[in-house]
Amino acid sequence: MAAENVCLYPCITQPQIDELVRTCDAYLDVNCDGKEDQILRQFEEAGTPLASFQSVAAEPGRYQRYQVFADNDVADMARWLQELTK
């Protein structure tokens, strides 16, 4: 499934991160190989809501604006994202 408003960045530069921090409505933390704490902190400091699924979520309490959804709860995450863009 592809969506024109979703992009994956397997290799990203700091200028790209800076632009995304300025323009994104949300950050979906789907990295299962470890957390990119510096990047997550940049988004958090900018006030961007962060979301993840339980199986790949950061440790509880690490980030203030971090919403965790059950792995099979795609519908609730989608509703959450829709609410952000209203």
PDB file of N, CA and C in Angstrom:
ATOM      1  N   MET A   1       0.846  -1.181   0.000  1.00  0.00           N
ATOM      2  CA  MET A   1       0.000   0.000   0.000  1.00  0.00           C
ATOM      3  C   MET A   1       0.886   1.237   0.000  1.00  0.00           C
ATOM      4  N   ALA A   2       0.613   2.162  -0.853  1.00  0.00           N
ATOM      5  CA  ALA A   2       1.380   3.402  -0.934  1.00  0.00           C
ATOM      6  C   ALA A   2       0.425   4.583  -0.786  1.00  0.00           C
ATOM      7  N   ALA A   3       0.942   5.631  -0.214  1.00  0.00           N
ATOM      8  CA  ALA A   3       0.169   6.857  -0.072  1.00  0.00           C
ATOM      9  C   ALA A   3       1.068   8.025  -0.438  1.00  0.00           C
ATOM     10  N   GLU A   4       0.516   8.988  -1.120  1.00  0.00           N
ATOM     11  CA  GLU A   4       1.335  10.108  -1.573  1.00  0.00           C
ATOM     12  C   GLU A   4       1.810  10.993  -0.418  1.00  0.00           C
ATOM     13  N   ASN A   5       1.183  10.898   0.743  1.00  0.00           N
ATOM     14  CA  ASN A   5       1.586  11.742   1.871  1.00  0.00           C
ATOM     15  C   ASN A   5       2.411  10.990   2.909  1.00  0.00           C
ATOM     16  N   VAL A   6       2.907   9.806   2.554  1.00  0.00           N
ATOM     17  CA  VAL A   6       3.753   9.019   3.446  1.00  0.00           C
ATOM     18  C   VAL A   6       5.047   8.690   2.718  1.00  0.00           C
ATOM     19  N   CYS A   7       6.157   8.959   3.379  1.00  0.00           N
ATOM     20  CA  CYS A   7       7.463   8.657   2.796  1.00  0.00           C
ATOM     21  C   CYS A   7       8.319   7.945   3.821  1.00  0.00           C
ATOM     22  N   LEU A   8       9.100   6.981   3.353  1.00  0.00           N
ATOM     23  CA  LEU A   8      10.075   6.314   4.196  1.00  0.00           C
ATOM     24  C   LEU A   8      11.455   6.829   3.814  1.00  0.00           C
ATOM     25  N   TYR A   9      12.294   7.034   4.801  1.00  0.00           N
ATOM     26  CA  TYR A   9      13.632   7.542   4.575  1.00  0.00           C
ATOM     27  C   TYR A   9      14.655   6.570   5.161  1.00  0.00           C
ATOM     28  N   PRO A  10      15.068   5.564   4.380  1.00  0.00           N
ATOM     29  CA  PRO A  10      16.029   4.595   4.905  1.00  0.00           C
ATOM     30  C   PRO A  10      17.416   5.207   5.126  1.00  0.00           C
ATOM     31  N   CYS A  11      17.716   6.276   4.436  1.00  0.00           N
ATOM     32  CA  CYS A  11      18.986   6.987   4.598  1.00  0.00           C
ATOM     33  C   CYS A  11      18.656   8.471   4.462  1.00  0.00           C
ATOM     34  N   ILE A  12      18.825   9.227   5.546  1.00  0.00           N
ATOM     35  CA  ILE A  12      18.364  10.613   5.554  1.00  0.00           C
ATOM     36  C   ILE A  12      19.483  11.536   6.014  1.00  0.00           C
ATOM     37  N   THR A  13      19.481  12.737   5.493  1.00  0.00           N
ATOM     38  CA  THR A  13      20.487  13.728   5.862  1.00  0.00           C
ATOM     39  C   THR A  13      19.897  14.730   6.858  1.00  0.00           C
ATOM     40  N   GLN A  14      20.756  15.446   7.550  1.00  0.00           N
ATOM     41  CA  GLN A  14      20.283  16.431   8.519  1.00  0.00           C
ATOM     42  C   GLN A  14      19.435  17.529   7.869  1.00  0.00           C
ATOM     43  N   PRO A  15      19.806  18.045   6.690  1.00  0.00           N
ATOM     44  CA  PRO A  15      18.922  19.039   6.055  1.00  0.00           C
ATOM     45  C   PRO A  15      17.523  18.481   5.759  1.00  0.00           C
ATOM     46  N   GLN A  16      17.429  17.212   5.369  1.00  0.00           N
ATOM     47  CA  GLN A  16      16.122  16.603   5.144  1.00  0.00           C
ATOM     48  C   GLN A  16      15.351  16.502   6.460  1.00  0.00           C
ATOM     49  N   ILE A  17      16.031  16.115   7.525  1.00  0.00           N
ATOM     50  CA  ILE A  17      15.390  16.035   8.838  1.00  0.00           C
ATOM     51  C   ILE A  17      14.874  17.400   9.248  1.00  0.00           C
ATOM     52  N   ASP A  18      15.677  18.427   9.101  1.00  0.00           N
ATOM     53  CA  ASP A  18      15.270  19.787   9.472  1.00  0.00           C
ATOM     54  C   ASP A  18      14.003  20.198   8.724  1.00  0.00           C
ATOM     55  N   GLU A  19      13.936  19.891   7.439  1.00  0.00           N
ATOM     56  CA  GLU A  19      12.753  20.218   6.637  1.00  0.00           C
ATOM     57  C   GLU A  19      11.528  19.440   7.130  1.00  0.00           C
ATOM     58  N   LEU A  20      11.704  18.167   7.411  1.00  0.00           N
ATOM     59  CA  LEU A  20      10.591  17.349   7.901  1.00  0.00           C
ATOM     60  C   LEU A  20      10.102  17.815   9.265  1.00  0.00           C
ATOM     61  N   VAL A  21      11.006  18.213  10.131  1.00  0.00           N
ATOM     62  CA  VAL A  21      10.615  18.727  11.451  1.00  0.00           C
ATOM     63  C   VAL A  21       9.726  19.957  11.286  1.00  0.00           C
ATOM     64  N   ARG A  22      10.032  20.787  10.293  1.00  0.00           N
ATOM     65  CA  ARG A  22       9.236  22.000  10.041  1.00  0.00           C
ATOM     66  C   ARG A  22       7.884  21.703   9.400  1.00  0.00           C
ATOM     67  N   THR A  23       7.764  20.600   8.669  1.00  0.00           N
ATOM     68  CA  THR A  23       6.578  20.420   7.830  1.00  0.00           C
ATOM     69  C   THR A  23       5.670  19.241   8.184  1.00  0.00           C
ATOM     70  N   CYS A  24       6.116  18.306   8.986  1.00  0.00           N
ATOM     71  CA  CYS A  24       5.312  17.099   9.259  1.00  0.00           C
ATOM     72  C   CYS A  24       4.258  17.327  10.332  1.00  0.00           C
ATOM     73  N   ASP A  25       3.110  16.699  10.137  1.00  0.00           N
ATOM     74  CA  ASP A  25       2.034  16.730  11.131  1.00  0.00           C
ATOM     75  C   ASP A  25       2.246  15.695  12.226  1.00  0.00           C
ATOM     76  N   ALA A  26       2.982  14.626  11.917  1.00  0.00           N
ATOM     77  CA  ALA A  26       3.222  13.552  12.887  1.00  0.00           C
ATOM     78  C   ALA A  26       4.468  12.790  12.470  1.00  0.00           C
ATOM     79  N   TYR A  27       5.046  12.105  13.445  1.00  0.00           N
ATOM     80  CA  TYR A  27       6.194  11.232  13.190  1.00  0.00           C
ATOM     81  C   TYR A  27       5.790   9.826  13.580  1.00  0.00           C
ATOM     82  N   LEU A  28       5.829   8.908  12.613  1.00  0.00           N
ATOM     83  CA  LEU A  28       5.501   7.517  12.896  1.00  0.00           C
ATOM     84  C   LEU A  28       6.797   6.765  13.158  1.00  0.00           C
ATOM     85  N   ASP A  29       6.975   6.358  14.377  1.00  0.00           N
ATOM     86  CA  ASP A  29       8.186   5.670  14.796  1.00  0.00           C
ATOM     87  C   ASP A  29       8.014   4.180  14.534  1.00  0.00           C
ATOM     88  N   VAL A  30       8.481   3.736  13.376  1.00  0.00           N
ATOM     89  CA  VAL A  30       8.327   2.333  12.992  1.00  0.00           C
ATOM     90  C   VAL A  30       9.671   1.612  12.911  1.00  0.00           C
ATOM     91  N   ASN A  31      10.724   2.252  13.366  1.00  0.00           N
ATOM     92  CA  ASN A  31      12.058   1.668  13.318  1.00  0.00           C
ATOM     93  C   ASN A  31      12.170   0.557  14.357  1.00  0.00           C
ATOM     94  N   CYS A  32      12.352  -0.661  13.906  1.00  0.00           N
ATOM     95  CA  CYS A  32      12.450  -1.791  14.841  1.00  0.00           C
ATOM     96  C   CYS A  32      13.894  -2.158  15.148  1.00  0.00           C
ATOM     97  N   ASP A  33      14.860  -1.511  14.523  1.00  0.00           N
ATOM     98  CA  ASP A  33      16.269  -1.823  14.746  1.00  0.00           C
ATOM     99  C   ASP A  33      16.920  -0.923  15.793  1.00  0.00           C
ATOM    100  N   GLY A  34      16.148  -0.170  16.519  1.00  0.00           N
ATOM    101  CA  GLY A  34      16.688   0.771  17.493  1.00  0.00           C
ATOM    102  C   GLY A  34      16.107   2.142  17.240  1.00  0.00           C
ATOM    103  N   LYS A  35      16.077   2.944  18.259  1.00  0.00           N
ATOM    104  CA  LYS A  35      15.477   4.273  18.157  1.00  0.00           C
ATOM    105  C   LYS A  35      16.512   5.308  17.747  1.00  0.00           C
ATOM    106  N   GLU A  36      16.083   6.223  16.932  1.00  0.00           N
ATOM    107  CA  GLU A  36      16.906   7.364  16.540  1.00  0.00           C
ATOM    108  C   GLU A  36      16.563   8.501  17.493  1.00  0.00           C
ATOM    109  N   ASP A  37      17.128   8.445  18.689  1.00  0.00           N
ATOM    110  CA  ASP A  37      16.752   9.365  19.753  1.00  0.00           C
ATOM    111  C   ASP A  37      16.911  10.825  19.359  1.00  0.00           C
ATOM    112  N   GLN A  38      17.998  11.159  18.688  1.00  0.00           N
ATOM    113  CA  GLN A  38      18.227  12.552  18.283  1.00  0.00           C
ATOM    114  C   GLN A  38      17.101  13.043  17.379  1.00  0.00           C
ATOM    115  N   ILE A  39      16.680  12.219  16.439  1.00  0.00           N
ATOM    116  CA  ILE A  39      15.613  12.605  15.517  1.00  0.00           C
ATOM    117  C   ILE A  39      14.281  12.699  16.252  1.00  0.00           C
ATOM    118  N   LEU A  40      13.982  11.709  17.078  1.00  0.00           N
ATOM    119  CA  LEU A  40      12.739  11.751  17.845  1.00  0.00           C
ATOM    120  C   LEU A  40      12.690  12.985  18.730  1.00  0.00           C
ATOM    121  N   ARG A  41      13.799  13.344  19.358  1.00  0.00           N
ATOM    122  CA  ARG A  41      13.844  14.539  20.217  1.00  0.00           C
ATOM    123  C   ARG A  41      13.597  15.819  19.412  1.00  0.00           C
ATOM    124  N   GLN A  42      14.142  15.891  18.200  1.00  0.00           N
ATOM    125  CA  GLN A  42      13.905  17.071  17.364  1.00  0.00           C
ATOM    126  C   GLN A  42      12.418  17.241  17.068  1.00  0.00           C
ATOM    127  N   PHE A  43      11.766  16.154  16.717  1.00  0.00           N
ATOM    128  CA  PHE A  43      10.333  16.229  16.438  1.00  0.00           C
ATOM    129  C   PHE A  43       9.561  16.574  17.707  1.00  0.00           C
ATOM    130  N   GLU A  44       9.931  15.962  18.818  1.00  0.00           N
ATOM    131  CA  GLU A  44       9.247  16.239  20.073  1.00  0.00           C
ATOM    132  C   GLU A  44       9.406  17.704  20.474  1.00  0.00           C
ATOM    133  N   GLU A  45      10.611  18.243  20.359  1.00  0.00           N
ATOM    134  CA  GLU A  45      10.851  19.643  20.705  1.00  0.00           C
ATOM    135  C   GLU A  45      10.076  20.599  19.815  1.00  0.00           C
ATOM    136  N   ALA A  46       9.789  20.167  18.591  1.00  0.00           N
ATOM    137  CA  ALA A  46       9.007  20.987  17.662  1.00  0.00           C
ATOM    138  C   ALA A  46       7.509  20.869  17.929  1.00  0.00           C
ATOM    139  N   GLY A  47       7.120  19.994  18.866  1.00  0.00           N
ATOM    140  CA  GLY A  47       5.708  19.819  19.187  1.00  0.00           C
ATOM    141  C   GLY A  47       4.989  18.835  18.292  1.00  0.00           C
ATOM    142  N   THR A  48       5.735  18.052  17.533  1.00  0.00           N
ATOM    143  CA  THR A  48       5.145  17.077  16.627  1.00  0.00           C
ATOM    144  C   THR A  48       4.727  15.831  17.402  1.00  0.00           C
ATOM    145  N   PRO A  49       3.488  15.395  17.266  1.00  0.00           N
ATOM    146  CA  PRO A  49       3.073  14.150  17.918  1.00  0.00           C
ATOM    147  C   PRO A  49       3.838  12.960  17.335  1.00  0.00           C
ATOM    148  N   LEU A  50       4.182  12.027  18.202  1.00  0.00           N
ATOM    149  CA  LEU A  50       4.902  10.814  17.817  1.00  0.00           C
ATOM    150  C   LEU A  50       3.982   9.625  18.034  1.00  0.00           C
ATOM    151  N   ALA A  51       4.039   8.638  17.143  1.00  0.00           N
ATOM    152  CA  ALA A  51       3.205   7.450  17.286  1.00  0.00           C
ATOM    153  C   ALA A  51       3.978   6.209  16.881  1.00  0.00           C
ATOM    154  N   SER A  52       3.600   5.100  17.506  1.00  0.00           N
ATOM    155  CA  SER A  52       4.238   3.831  17.202  1.00  0.00           C
ATOM    156  C   SER A  52       3.296   2.688  17.520  1.00  0.00           C
ATOM    157  N   PHE A  53       3.639   1.515  17.033  1.00  0.00           N
ATOM    158  CA  PHE A  53       2.944   0.304  17.431  1.00  0.00           C
ATOM    159  C   PHE A  53       3.713  -0.330  18.587  1.00  0.00           C
ATOM    160  N   GLN A  54       3.007  -1.050  19.421  1.00  0.00           N
ATOM    161  CA  GLN A  54       3.550  -1.614  20.657  1.00  0.00           C
ATOM    162  C   GLN A  54       4.846  -2.393  20.444  1.00  0.00           C
ATOM    163  N   SER A  55       4.911  -3.206  19.418  1.00  0.00           N
ATOM    164  CA  SER A  55       6.074  -4.078  19.224  1.00  0.00           C
ATOM    165  C   SER A  55       7.362  -3.327  18.899  1.00  0.00           C
ATOM    166  N   VAL A  56       7.261  -2.079  18.455  1.00  0.00           N
ATOM    167  CA  VAL A  56       8.459  -1.305  18.113  1.00  0.00           C
ATOM    168  C   VAL A  56       8.539   0.011  18.885  1.00  0.00           C
ATOM    169  N   ALA A  57       7.685   0.190  19.865  1.00  0.00           N
ATOM    170  CA  ALA A  57       7.609   1.459  20.604  1.00  0.00           C
ATOM    171  C   ALA A  57       8.831   1.685  21.489  1.00  0.00           C
ATOM    172  N   ALA A  58       9.115   2.952  21.729  1.00  0.00           N
ATOM    173  CA  ALA A  58      10.166   3.338  22.671  1.00  0.00           C
ATOM    174  C   ALA A  58       9.720   2.984  24.080  1.00  0.00           C
ATOM    175  N   GLU A  59      10.660   2.965  24.988  1.00  0.00           N
ATOM    176  CA  GLU A  59      10.322   2.654  26.380  1.00  0.00           C
ATOM    177  C   GLU A  59       9.324   3.678  26.913  1.00  0.00           C
ATOM    178  N   PRO A  60       8.383   3.225  27.728  1.00  0.00           N
ATOM    179  CA  PRO A  60       7.337   4.117  28.254  1.00  0.00           C
ATOM    180  C   PRO A  60       7.939   5.314  28.997  1.00  0.00           C
ATOM    181  N   GLY A  61       7.363   6.490  28.739  1.00  0.00           N
ATOM    182  CA  GLY A  61       7.780   7.707  29.419  1.00  0.00           C
ATOM    183  C   GLY A  61       8.985   8.406  28.829  1.00  0.00           C
ATOM    184  N   ARG A  62       9.593   7.843  27.822  1.00  0.00           N
ATOM    185  CA  ARG A  62      10.802   8.451  27.232  1.00  0.00           C
ATOM    186  C   ARG A  62      10.483   9.751  26.483  1.00  0.00           C
ATOM    187  N   TYR A  63       9.320   9.798  25.861  1.00  0.00           N
ATOM    188  CA  TYR A  63       8.896  10.980  25.106  1.00  0.00           C
ATOM    189  C   TYR A  63       7.514  11.399  25.594  1.00  0.00           C
ATOM    190  N   GLN A  64       7.268  12.690  25.662  1.00  0.00           N
ATOM    191  CA  GLN A  64       5.999  13.187  26.193  1.00  0.00           C
ATOM    192  C   GLN A  64       4.841  13.031  25.218  1.00  0.00           C
ATOM    193  N   ARG A  65       5.061  13.323  23.970  1.00  0.00           N
ATOM    194  CA  ARG A  65       3.975  13.310  22.974  1.00  0.00           C
ATOM    195  C   ARG A  65       4.036  12.029  22.155  1.00  0.00           C
ATOM    196  N   TYR A  66       4.066  10.885  22.820  1.00  0.00           N
ATOM    197  CA  TYR A  66       4.270   9.589  22.170  1.00  0.00           C
ATOM    198  C   TYR A  66       3.060   8.704  22.400  1.00  0.00           C
ATOM    199  N   GLN A  67       2.349   8.420  21.334  1.00  0.00           N
ATOM    200  CA  GLN A  67       1.139   7.600  21.394  1.00  0.00           C
ATOM    201  C   GLN A  67       1.473   6.195  20.921  1.00  0.00           C
ATOM    202  N   VAL A  68       1.145   5.187  21.718  1.00  0.00           N
ATOM    203  CA  VAL A  68       1.422   3.795  21.356  1.00  0.00           C
ATOM    204  C   VAL A  68       0.100   3.076  21.080  1.00  0.00           C
ATOM    205  N   PHE A  69       0.069   2.373  19.961  1.00  0.00           N
ATOM    206  CA  PHE A  69      -1.106   1.613  19.549  1.00  0.00           C
ATOM    207  C   PHE A  69      -0.768   0.129  19.550  1.00  0.00           C
ATOM    208  N   ALA A  70      -1.753  -0.705  19.853  1.00  0.00           N
ATOM    209  CA  ALA A  70      -1.569  -2.151  19.759  1.00  0.00           C
ATOM    210  C   ALA A  70      -1.175  -2.496  18.323  1.00  0.00           C
ATOM    211  N   ASP A  71      -0.399  -3.535  18.179  1.00  0.00           N
ATOM    212  CA  ASP A  71       0.086  -3.913  16.845  1.00  0.00           C
ATOM    213  C   ASP A  71      -1.039  -4.151  15.843  1.00  0.00           C
ATOM    214  N   ASN A  72      -2.164  -4.610  16.298  1.00  0.00           N
ATOM    215  CA  ASN A  72      -3.280  -4.885  15.387  1.00  0.00           C
ATOM    216  C   ASN A  72      -4.310  -3.755  15.355  1.00  0.00           C
ATOM    217  N   ASP A  73      -3.954  -2.596  15.881  1.00  0.00           N
ATOM    218  CA  ASP A  73      -4.899  -1.484  15.999  1.00  0.00           C
ATOM    219  C   ASP A  73      -4.642  -0.396  14.950  1.00  0.00           C
ATOM    220  N   VAL A  74      -4.563  -0.811  13.710  1.00  0.00           N
ATOM    221  CA  VAL A  74      -4.304   0.115  12.607  1.00  0.00           C
ATOM    222  C   VAL A  74      -5.431   1.140  12.483  1.00  0.00           C
ATOM    223  N   ALA A  75      -6.656   0.717  12.702  1.00  0.00           N
ATOM    224  CA  ALA A  75      -7.805   1.622  12.560  1.00  0.00           C
ATOM    225  C   ALA A  75      -7.727   2.779  13.553  1.00  0.00           C
ATOM    226  N   ASP A  76      -7.369   2.495  14.804  1.00  0.00           N
ATOM    227  CA  ASP A  76      -7.255   3.582  15.782  1.00  0.00           C
ATOM    228  C   ASP A  76      -6.108   4.527  15.449  1.00  0.00           C
ATOM    229  N   MET A  77      -4.994   3.988  14.967  1.00  0.00           N
ATOM    230  CA  MET A  77      -3.901   4.871  14.567  1.00  0.00           C
ATOM    231  C   MET A  77      -4.348   5.749  13.406  1.00  0.00           C
ATOM    232  N   ALA A  78      -5.058   5.184  12.457  1.00  0.00           N
ATOM    233  CA  ALA A  78      -5.551   5.959  11.317  1.00  0.00           C
ATOM    234  C   ALA A  78      -6.493   7.065  11.785  1.00  0.00           C
ATOM    235  N   ARG A  79      -7.387   6.746  12.727  1.00  0.00           N
ATOM    236  CA  ARG A  79      -8.292   7.779  13.269  1.00  0.00           C
ATOM    237  C   ARG A  79      -7.501   8.878  13.980  1.00  0.00           C
ATOM    238  N   TRP A  80      -6.506   8.477  14.745  1.00  0.00           N
ATOM    239  CA  TRP A  80      -5.644   9.441  15.454  1.00  0.00           C
ATOM    240  C   TRP A  80      -4.971  10.386  14.460  1.00  0.00           C
ATOM    241  N   LEU A  81      -4.437   9.812  13.372  1.00  0.00           N
ATOM    242  CA  LEU A  81      -3.798  10.634  12.352  1.00  0.00           C
ATOM    243  C   LEU A  81      -4.787  11.571  11.669  1.00  0.00           C
ATOM    244  N   GLN A  82      -5.986  11.079  11.400  1.00  0.00           N
ATOM    245  CA  GLN A  82      -7.011  11.932  10.782  1.00  0.00           C
ATOM    246  C   GLN A  82      -7.359  13.106  11.696  1.00  0.00           C
ATOM    247  N   GLU A  83      -7.446  12.864  12.991  1.00  0.00           N
ATOM    248  CA  GLU A  83      -7.750  13.932  13.945  1.00  0.00           C
ATOM    249  C   GLU A  83      -6.666  15.006  13.955  1.00  0.00           C
ATOM    250  N   LEU A  84      -5.419  14.601  13.766  1.00  0.00           N
ATOM    251  CA  LEU A  84      -4.303  15.550  13.749  1.00  0.00           C
ATOM    252  C   LEU A  84      -4.401  16.531  12.588  1.00  0.00           C
ATOM    253  N   THR A  85      -4.964  16.084  11.507  1.00  0.00           N
ATOM    254  CA  THR A  85      -4.983  16.911  10.287  1.00  0.00           C
ATOM    255  C   THR A  85      -6.264  17.720  10.137  1.00  0.00           C
ATOM    256  N   LYS A  86      -7.144  17.657  11.126  1.00  0.00           N
ATOM    257  CA  LYS A  86      -8.381  18.443  11.044  1.00  0.00           C
ATOM    258  C   LYS A  86      -8.125  19.871  11.435  1.00  0.00           C
TER     259      LYS A  86
END
